[in-house]
């Protein structure tokens, strides 16, 4: 799983997950906060803006709501996650 948390809640979320994980070693939690950046592109024109810097198919069929996929943003690989923060389907 890939979890993105609000920066202010990172420690709280990490501790909660750790507390509820099985302790038999079958689940591992890696905090990648200092290794991976996050950029939120939101609003009614988000998909149009992203389409200008990627060749990825951003259609509803290829990139449905609540899904994620690796795309190239110009020359950089990026994990794109299609979620809703502001009431738009973007």
N, C-alpha and C. Protein backbone atom coordinates (compact mmCIF):
# COMPACT_ATOMS: atom_id res chain seq x y z
N UNK A 1 0.83 -1.18 0.00
CA UNK A 1 0.00 0.00 0.00
C UNK A 1 0.87 1.24 0.00
N UNK A 2 0.33 2.29 -0.50
CA UNK A 2 1.01 3.58 -0.56
C UNK A 2 0.10 4.56 0.16
N UNK A 3 0.56 5.14 1.23
CA UNK A 3 -0.25 6.05 2.03
C UNK A 3 0.37 7.43 2.02
N UNK A 4 -0.43 8.42 1.69
CA UNK A 4 0.00 9.81 1.77
C UNK A 4 -0.81 10.45 2.88
N UNK A 5 -0.11 11.06 3.80
CA UNK A 5 -0.74 11.67 4.96
C UNK A 5 -0.43 13.16 4.99
N UNK A 6 -1.25 13.92 5.65
CA UNK A 6 -0.96 15.35 5.83
C UNK A 6 0.33 15.48 6.63
N UNK A 7 1.17 16.42 6.24
CA UNK A 7 2.45 16.61 6.92
C UNK A 7 2.31 16.77 8.42
N UNK A 8 1.32 17.52 8.84
CA UNK A 8 1.13 17.77 10.27
C UNK A 8 0.72 16.52 11.03
N UNK A 9 0.11 15.55 10.34
CA UNK A 9 -0.34 14.33 11.00
C UNK A 9 0.55 13.13 10.79
N UNK A 10 1.69 13.33 10.15
CA UNK A 10 2.57 12.21 9.79
C UNK A 10 2.94 11.36 11.00
N UNK A 11 3.38 11.96 12.07
CA UNK A 11 3.81 11.20 13.25
C UNK A 11 2.63 10.46 13.89
N UNK A 12 1.49 11.14 14.00
CA UNK A 12 0.30 10.53 14.57
C UNK A 12 -0.15 9.33 13.74
N UNK A 13 -0.21 9.51 12.41
CA UNK A 13 -0.62 8.41 11.53
C UNK A 13 0.36 7.25 11.61
N UNK A 14 1.65 7.54 11.59
CA UNK A 14 2.67 6.50 11.68
C UNK A 14 2.51 5.70 12.97
N UNK A 15 2.35 6.39 14.08
CA UNK A 15 2.22 5.72 15.38
C UNK A 15 0.95 4.88 15.45
N UNK A 16 -0.16 5.39 14.89
CA UNK A 16 -1.41 4.63 14.90
C UNK A 16 -1.27 3.35 14.09
N UNK A 17 -0.72 3.45 12.90
CA UNK A 17 -0.53 2.26 12.06
C UNK A 17 0.38 1.26 12.76
N UNK A 18 1.48 1.73 13.30
CA UNK A 18 2.44 0.86 13.99
C UNK A 18 1.75 0.12 15.14
N UNK A 19 0.92 0.83 15.89
CA UNK A 19 0.21 0.24 17.03
C UNK A 19 -0.75 -0.87 16.59
N UNK A 20 -1.33 -0.75 15.41
CA UNK A 20 -2.33 -1.70 14.95
C UNK A 20 -1.79 -2.77 13.99
N UNK A 21 -0.50 -2.76 13.74
CA UNK A 21 0.10 -3.77 12.88
C UNK A 21 0.27 -5.08 13.63
N UNK A 22 0.19 -6.21 12.93
CA UNK A 22 0.53 -7.47 13.59
C UNK A 22 2.00 -7.46 13.99
N UNK A 23 2.33 -8.10 15.08
CA UNK A 23 3.72 -8.08 15.56
C UNK A 23 4.49 -9.33 15.18
N UNK A 24 3.98 -10.10 14.21
CA UNK A 24 4.66 -11.33 13.81
C UNK A 24 5.62 -11.13 12.64
N UNK A 25 5.82 -9.90 12.19
CA UNK A 25 6.78 -9.62 11.13
C UNK A 25 6.25 -9.75 9.72
N UNK A 26 4.99 -10.10 9.54
CA UNK A 26 4.47 -10.27 8.18
C UNK A 26 4.09 -8.96 7.51
N UNK A 27 4.10 -7.87 8.27
CA UNK A 27 3.81 -6.54 7.72
C UNK A 27 4.97 -5.63 8.06
N UNK A 28 5.39 -4.84 7.08
CA UNK A 28 6.49 -3.89 7.28
C UNK A 28 5.98 -2.49 6.97
N UNK A 29 6.38 -1.54 7.77
CA UNK A 29 6.02 -0.14 7.56
C UNK A 29 7.29 0.65 7.32
N UNK A 30 7.40 1.26 6.15
CA UNK A 30 8.55 2.09 5.81
C UNK A 30 8.10 3.53 5.69
N UNK A 31 8.69 4.41 6.47
CA UNK A 31 8.39 5.83 6.41
C UNK A 31 9.33 6.46 5.37
N UNK A 32 8.77 6.88 4.26
CA UNK A 32 9.56 7.45 3.16
C UNK A 32 9.42 8.97 3.08
N UNK A 33 8.99 9.59 4.18
CA UNK A 33 8.75 11.03 4.20
C UNK A 33 9.94 11.83 3.68
N UNK A 34 11.14 11.46 4.07
CA UNK A 34 12.32 12.22 3.66
C UNK A 34 12.88 11.78 2.31
N UNK A 35 12.23 10.81 1.66
CA UNK A 35 12.73 10.29 0.38
C UNK A 35 11.86 10.65 -0.82
N UNK A 36 10.60 10.96 -0.56
CA UNK A 36 9.65 11.18 -1.65
C UNK A 36 8.93 12.50 -1.43
N UNK A 37 8.87 13.31 -2.48
CA UNK A 37 8.13 14.57 -2.41
C UNK A 37 6.70 14.39 -2.86
N UNK A 38 5.85 15.30 -2.46
CA UNK A 38 4.44 15.27 -2.85
C UNK A 38 4.06 16.64 -3.38
N UNK A 39 3.41 16.66 -4.52
CA UNK A 39 2.88 17.88 -5.11
C UNK A 39 1.40 17.65 -5.38
N UNK A 40 0.55 18.47 -4.83
CA UNK A 40 -0.89 18.34 -5.05
C UNK A 40 -1.30 19.31 -6.15
N UNK A 41 -1.94 18.78 -7.17
CA UNK A 41 -2.49 19.57 -8.26
C UNK A 41 -4.00 19.37 -8.19
N UNK A 42 -4.73 20.39 -7.77
CA UNK A 42 -6.16 20.24 -7.51
C UNK A 42 -6.96 21.32 -8.22
N UNK A 43 -8.23 21.03 -8.41
CA UNK A 43 -9.14 22.01 -8.98
C UNK A 43 -9.70 21.56 -10.30
N UNK A 44 -10.63 22.32 -10.84
CA UNK A 44 -11.34 21.90 -12.05
C UNK A 44 -10.45 21.79 -13.30
N UNK A 45 -9.31 22.44 -13.32
CA UNK A 45 -8.41 22.39 -14.48
C UNK A 45 -7.19 21.49 -14.24
N UNK A 46 -7.18 20.75 -13.13
CA UNK A 46 -6.01 19.94 -12.78
C UNK A 46 -5.62 18.97 -13.89
N UNK A 47 -6.59 18.26 -14.42
CA UNK A 47 -6.28 17.28 -15.47
C UNK A 47 -5.75 17.96 -16.73
N UNK A 48 -6.32 19.10 -17.08
CA UNK A 48 -5.86 19.85 -18.26
C UNK A 48 -4.42 20.32 -18.09
N UNK A 49 -4.09 20.78 -16.90
CA UNK A 49 -2.73 21.25 -16.62
C UNK A 49 -1.75 20.08 -16.68
N UNK A 50 -2.10 18.96 -16.03
CA UNK A 50 -1.22 17.79 -16.04
C UNK A 50 -1.04 17.26 -17.46
N UNK A 51 -2.08 17.31 -18.26
CA UNK A 51 -2.00 16.80 -19.64
C UNK A 51 -0.96 17.54 -20.47
N UNK A 52 -0.64 18.77 -20.09
CA UNK A 52 0.35 19.55 -20.84
C UNK A 52 1.78 19.10 -20.57
N UNK A 53 1.99 18.33 -19.49
CA UNK A 53 3.36 17.92 -19.14
C UNK A 53 3.55 16.41 -19.05
N UNK A 54 2.56 15.65 -19.54
CA UNK A 54 2.69 14.20 -19.56
C UNK A 54 2.06 13.64 -20.83
N UNK A 55 2.55 12.50 -21.25
CA UNK A 55 1.95 11.78 -22.38
C UNK A 55 0.99 10.71 -21.89
N UNK A 56 0.87 10.56 -20.57
CA UNK A 56 0.00 9.54 -20.00
C UNK A 56 -1.46 9.79 -20.39
N UNK A 57 -2.19 8.71 -20.55
CA UNK A 57 -3.62 8.80 -20.83
C UNK A 57 -4.33 9.12 -19.51
N UNK A 58 -4.90 10.30 -19.40
CA UNK A 58 -5.56 10.74 -18.18
C UNK A 58 -7.08 10.63 -18.27
N UNK A 59 -7.56 9.90 -19.26
CA UNK A 59 -9.01 9.73 -19.42
C UNK A 59 -9.59 8.96 -18.23
N UNK A 60 -10.90 9.08 -18.04
CA UNK A 60 -11.56 8.35 -16.95
C UNK A 60 -11.36 6.84 -17.07
N UNK A 61 -11.36 6.34 -18.30
CA UNK A 61 -11.21 4.90 -18.50
C UNK A 61 -9.80 4.42 -18.14
N UNK A 62 -8.79 5.19 -18.53
CA UNK A 62 -7.40 4.79 -18.29
C UNK A 62 -6.91 5.13 -16.89
N UNK A 63 -7.52 6.14 -16.28
CA UNK A 63 -7.06 6.61 -14.98
C UNK A 63 -8.29 6.92 -14.12
N UNK A 64 -8.97 5.87 -13.66
CA UNK A 64 -10.21 6.08 -12.92
C UNK A 64 -9.97 6.75 -11.55
N UNK A 65 -11.02 7.36 -11.06
CA UNK A 65 -10.99 8.00 -9.75
C UNK A 65 -10.60 6.98 -8.68
N UNK A 66 -9.83 7.39 -7.71
CA UNK A 66 -9.32 6.57 -6.61
C UNK A 66 -8.35 5.49 -7.08
N UNK A 67 -7.61 5.79 -8.13
CA UNK A 67 -6.57 4.87 -8.58
C UNK A 67 -5.23 5.60 -8.62
N UNK A 68 -4.17 4.85 -8.79
CA UNK A 68 -2.84 5.43 -8.90
C UNK A 68 -2.05 4.69 -9.95
N UNK A 69 -1.10 5.39 -10.56
CA UNK A 69 -0.24 4.77 -11.56
C UNK A 69 1.01 5.61 -11.75
N UNK A 70 2.05 4.95 -12.20
CA UNK A 70 3.29 5.65 -12.52
C UNK A 70 3.10 6.34 -13.87
N UNK A 71 3.48 7.62 -13.92
CA UNK A 71 3.46 8.38 -15.17
C UNK A 71 4.77 9.15 -15.27
N UNK A 72 5.06 9.64 -16.45
CA UNK A 72 6.20 10.53 -16.62
C UNK A 72 5.68 11.96 -16.64
N UNK A 73 6.30 12.81 -15.84
CA UNK A 73 6.00 14.23 -15.83
C UNK A 73 7.23 14.90 -16.42
N UNK A 74 7.09 15.34 -17.67
CA UNK A 74 8.24 15.71 -18.49
C UNK A 74 9.19 14.52 -18.49
N UNK A 75 10.36 14.60 -17.93
CA UNK A 75 11.29 13.46 -17.95
C UNK A 75 11.36 12.73 -16.62
N UNK A 76 10.57 13.15 -15.64
CA UNK A 76 10.66 12.56 -14.30
C UNK A 76 9.54 11.55 -14.07
N UNK A 77 9.88 10.36 -13.58
CA UNK A 77 8.83 9.41 -13.20
C UNK A 77 8.12 9.92 -11.95
N UNK A 78 6.80 9.72 -11.91
CA UNK A 78 6.02 10.19 -10.76
C UNK A 78 4.87 9.23 -10.50
N UNK A 79 4.56 9.04 -9.22
CA UNK A 79 3.37 8.28 -8.85
C UNK A 79 2.21 9.27 -8.84
N UNK A 80 1.26 9.08 -9.73
CA UNK A 80 0.09 9.94 -9.80
C UNK A 80 -1.07 9.21 -9.12
N UNK A 81 -1.75 9.91 -8.25
CA UNK A 81 -2.88 9.34 -7.53
C UNK A 81 -4.08 10.24 -7.79
N UNK A 82 -5.13 9.65 -8.31
CA UNK A 82 -6.33 10.45 -8.62
C UNK A 82 -7.30 10.35 -7.45
N UNK A 83 -7.33 11.41 -6.68
CA UNK A 83 -8.22 11.49 -5.53
C UNK A 83 -8.97 12.82 -5.58
N UNK A 84 -9.74 13.09 -4.57
CA UNK A 84 -10.56 14.29 -4.54
C UNK A 84 -10.36 15.00 -3.21
N UNK A 85 -9.83 16.20 -3.26
CA UNK A 85 -9.66 17.00 -2.06
C UNK A 85 -10.61 18.19 -2.02
N UNK A 86 -11.06 18.65 -3.16
CA UNK A 86 -11.79 19.92 -3.21
C UNK A 86 -13.15 19.82 -3.91
N UNK A 87 -13.69 18.61 -4.05
CA UNK A 87 -15.00 18.46 -4.65
C UNK A 87 -15.02 18.35 -6.16
N UNK A 88 -13.86 18.32 -6.79
CA UNK A 88 -13.77 18.19 -8.24
C UNK A 88 -13.28 16.79 -8.58
N UNK A 89 -13.67 16.26 -9.72
CA UNK A 89 -13.18 14.94 -10.12
C UNK A 89 -11.87 15.01 -10.88
N UNK A 90 -11.41 16.19 -11.28
CA UNK A 90 -10.08 16.40 -11.86
C UNK A 90 -9.48 15.34 -12.69
